[in-house]
């Protein structure tokens, strides 16, 4: 589909090597789903659920059709709204969030604080971030830990962890 920038295969392979012990049984959010490549890969690796957020109607329809072909049932849910609107109505927190927004919009700076303050991610949860290589590592919210950071071609990709819950909290 025109305008989509799917995560390159070698980046996706590295990402899922990083996540090899964290995907099975996880509840995942693919916030800028686009082609859905990352979320679909998570489903193929036994994620319990993936919520695909995609505002472009033709991309959302293609994702729904792909989920039907894969017989994902209720494990794959497409929400056809923009990321900002989606983040205004918190639901149950996720174990793993994939944040791969369109390049050139400084979207990580906009959406990371919303994710951090909106109870979107479980304590100790993981966040995958993708941006332009030239942007460098993203500025993370307080307490988040950058676990991995690499570049491939024009893509910078990073894995961060939220702090675990305080003892007794």
Protein backbone atom coordinates (compact mmCIF):
# COMPACT_ATOMS: atom_id res chain seq x y z
CA UNK A 1 0.00 0.00 0.00
CA UNK A 2 1.34 3.45 -0.87
CA UNK A 3 2.70 5.45 2.05
CA UNK A 4 3.38 2.45 4.29
CA UNK A 5 6.91 1.79 5.48
CA UNK A 6 6.95 -1.78 6.79
CA UNK A 7 9.71 -2.61 9.22
CA UNK A 8 12.56 -4.18 7.22
CA UNK A 9 12.81 -7.97 7.50
CA UNK A 10 16.25 -7.95 9.13
CA UNK A 11 15.08 -5.40 11.72
CA UNK A 12 12.00 -7.50 12.48
CA UNK A 13 14.20 -10.60 12.80
CA UNK A 14 16.48 -8.84 15.29
CA UNK A 15 13.51 -7.48 17.23
CA UNK A 16 11.97 -10.91 17.68
CA UNK A 17 15.35 -12.38 18.64
CA UNK A 18 15.41 -9.74 21.40
CA UNK A 19 11.86 -10.68 22.40
CA UNK A 20 12.14 -14.45 22.05
CA UNK A 21 11.12 -15.11 25.67
CA UNK A 22 8.62 -12.26 26.00
CA UNK A 23 6.06 -12.72 23.20
CA UNK A 24 4.33 -16.02 24.00
CA UNK A 25 1.22 -15.27 26.04
CA UNK A 26 1.75 -11.49 25.87
CA UNK A 27 -0.93 -8.88 25.28
CA UNK A 28 0.49 -6.59 22.58
CA UNK A 29 -0.32 -3.19 21.11
CA UNK A 30 0.78 -2.31 17.57
CA UNK A 31 0.06 1.42 17.79
CA UNK A 32 0.88 2.45 14.20
CA UNK A 33 0.06 -0.89 12.62
CA UNK A 34 0.33 -0.02 8.93
CA UNK A 35 0.88 -3.34 7.16
CA UNK A 36 0.69 -5.10 10.53
CA UNK A 37 3.96 -6.96 9.93
CA UNK A 38 5.19 -6.64 13.51
CA UNK A 39 1.88 -7.49 15.17
CA UNK A 40 1.29 -10.41 12.81
CA UNK A 41 4.75 -11.72 13.65
CA UNK A 42 3.87 -11.48 17.36
CA UNK A 43 0.69 -13.51 16.73
CA UNK A 44 2.72 -16.12 14.86
CA UNK A 45 4.94 -16.38 17.94
CA UNK A 46 2.00 -17.14 20.26
CA UNK A 47 1.09 -13.68 21.57
CA UNK A 48 -2.20 -13.99 23.44
CA UNK A 49 -3.62 -10.89 21.76
CA UNK A 50 -2.52 -8.10 19.44
CA UNK A 51 -4.46 -4.85 19.12
CA UNK A 52 -3.65 -3.21 15.79
CA UNK A 53 -4.31 0.56 15.72
CA UNK A 54 -4.48 1.89 12.17
CA UNK A 55 -6.27 5.05 11.00
CA UNK A 56 -5.98 4.52 7.23
CA UNK A 57 -9.17 2.67 6.19
CA UNK A 58 -7.62 0.66 3.34
CA UNK A 59 -4.76 -0.53 5.60
CA UNK A 60 -7.18 -1.40 8.42
CA UNK A 61 -9.36 -3.37 5.99
CA UNK A 62 -6.29 -5.24 4.65
CA UNK A 63 -5.29 -6.10 8.22
CA UNK A 64 -8.76 -7.44 9.02
CA UNK A 65 -8.66 -9.58 5.87
CA UNK A 66 -5.20 -10.89 6.78
CA UNK A 67 -6.35 -11.77 10.31
CA UNK A 68 -9.34 -13.63 8.82
CA UNK A 69 -7.07 -15.56 6.44
CA UNK A 70 -4.86 -16.49 9.39
CA UNK A 71 -7.92 -17.51 11.45
CA UNK A 72 -6.67 -15.33 14.30
CA UNK A 73 -10.15 -15.12 15.83
CA UNK A 74 -10.26 -12.75 18.79
CA UNK A 75 -6.44 -12.82 19.18
CA UNK A 76 -6.11 -10.06 16.57
CA UNK A 77 -8.22 -6.92 16.85
CA UNK A 78 -8.07 -3.96 14.45
CA UNK A 79 -9.06 -0.56 15.82
CA UNK A 80 -9.56 1.94 13.01
CA UNK A 81 -8.63 5.25 14.68
CA UNK A 82 -5.57 7.45 14.96
CA UNK A 83 -3.07 6.79 17.73
CA UNK A 84 -3.87 10.02 19.62
CA UNK A 85 -7.57 9.21 19.74
CA UNK A 86 -6.89 5.62 20.78
CA UNK A 87 -4.67 6.78 23.65
CA UNK A 88 -7.41 9.02 25.07
CA UNK A 89 -9.42 5.99 26.23
CA UNK A 90 -7.22 3.67 28.30
CA UNK A 91 -8.11 0.02 28.46
CA UNK A 92 -6.29 -2.89 30.02
CA UNK A 93 -2.49 -2.42 30.03
CA UNK A 94 -0.25 -4.26 27.58
CA UNK A 95 2.83 -6.42 28.16
CA UNK A 96 4.45 -5.28 24.93
CA UNK A 97 3.96 -2.16 22.79
CA UNK A 98 5.24 -1.69 19.26
CA UNK A 99 5.67 2.00 18.43
CA UNK A 100 6.69 2.47 14.80
CA UNK A 101 5.17 5.82 13.76
CA UNK A 102 5.58 7.53 10.39
CA UNK A 103 8.99 9.12 10.01
CA UNK A 104 9.43 12.88 9.96
CA UNK A 105 6.70 13.73 12.46
CA UNK A 106 8.66 13.45 15.74
CA UNK A 107 5.84 11.15 16.86
CA UNK A 108 7.93 9.34 19.48
CA UNK A 109 8.29 12.59 21.41
CA UNK A 110 4.52 13.01 21.25
CA UNK A 111 3.38 9.48 22.07
CA UNK A 112 5.95 8.21 24.59
CA UNK A 113 4.72 10.57 27.35
CA UNK A 114 1.12 9.50 26.66
CA UNK A 115 2.07 5.85 26.95
CA UNK A 116 4.03 6.53 30.13
CA UNK A 117 1.28 8.42 31.93
CA UNK A 118 -1.76 6.57 30.63
CA UNK A 119 -1.35 3.17 32.34
CA UNK A 120 -1.04 1.61 28.89
CA UNK A 121 1.89 -0.64 29.75
CA UNK A 122 2.19 -3.12 32.60
CA UNK A 123 5.00 -2.56 35.10
CA UNK A 124 8.12 -4.15 33.66
CA UNK A 125 6.54 -4.12 30.18
CA UNK A 126 8.54 -3.69 27.00
CA UNK A 127 8.29 -1.01 24.32
CA UNK A 128 9.77 -1.34 20.84
CA UNK A 129 10.56 2.03 19.23
CA UNK A 130 11.47 2.75 15.64
CA UNK A 131 12.61 6.07 14.21
CA UNK A 132 14.85 7.66 11.62
CA UNK A 133 18.46 6.66 12.04
CA UNK A 134 19.44 10.35 12.16
CA UNK A 135 17.21 10.93 15.20
CA UNK A 136 19.36 8.74 17.44
CA UNK A 137 18.03 6.96 20.51
CA UNK A 138 14.70 8.39 21.65
CA UNK A 139 14.37 10.43 24.83
CA UNK A 140 12.65 8.03 27.22
CA UNK A 141 10.24 8.91 30.02
CA UNK A 142 11.66 8.94 33.55
CA UNK A 143 12.39 5.48 34.90
CA UNK A 144 12.34 3.70 31.53
CA UNK A 145 15.46 1.71 30.71
CA UNK A 146 16.91 1.46 27.21
CA UNK A 147 17.80 -2.22 26.80
CA UNK A 148 18.89 -2.39 23.16
CA UNK A 149 19.52 0.08 20.36
CA UNK A 150 20.63 -0.60 16.79
CA UNK A 151 20.52 0.93 13.31
CA UNK A 152 19.95 -0.69 9.93
CA UNK A 153 19.90 1.42 6.80
CA UNK A 154 17.81 4.50 7.54
CA UNK A 155 16.10 2.91 10.57
CA UNK A 156 16.98 3.29 14.24
CA UNK A 157 15.31 0.70 16.44
CA UNK A 158 15.27 0.40 20.19
CA UNK A 159 13.87 -1.71 23.00
CA UNK A 160 12.97 -0.16 26.35
CA UNK A 161 11.57 -1.56 29.60
CA UNK A 162 9.33 0.19 32.05
CA UNK A 163 10.20 -0.01 35.71
CA UNK A 164 8.76 -2.98 37.54
CA UNK A 165 6.12 -2.33 40.15
CA UNK A 166 7.40 -1.30 43.54
CA UNK A 167 7.33 -4.10 46.12
CA UNK A 168 3.85 -4.33 47.57
CA UNK A 169 2.52 -1.96 44.87
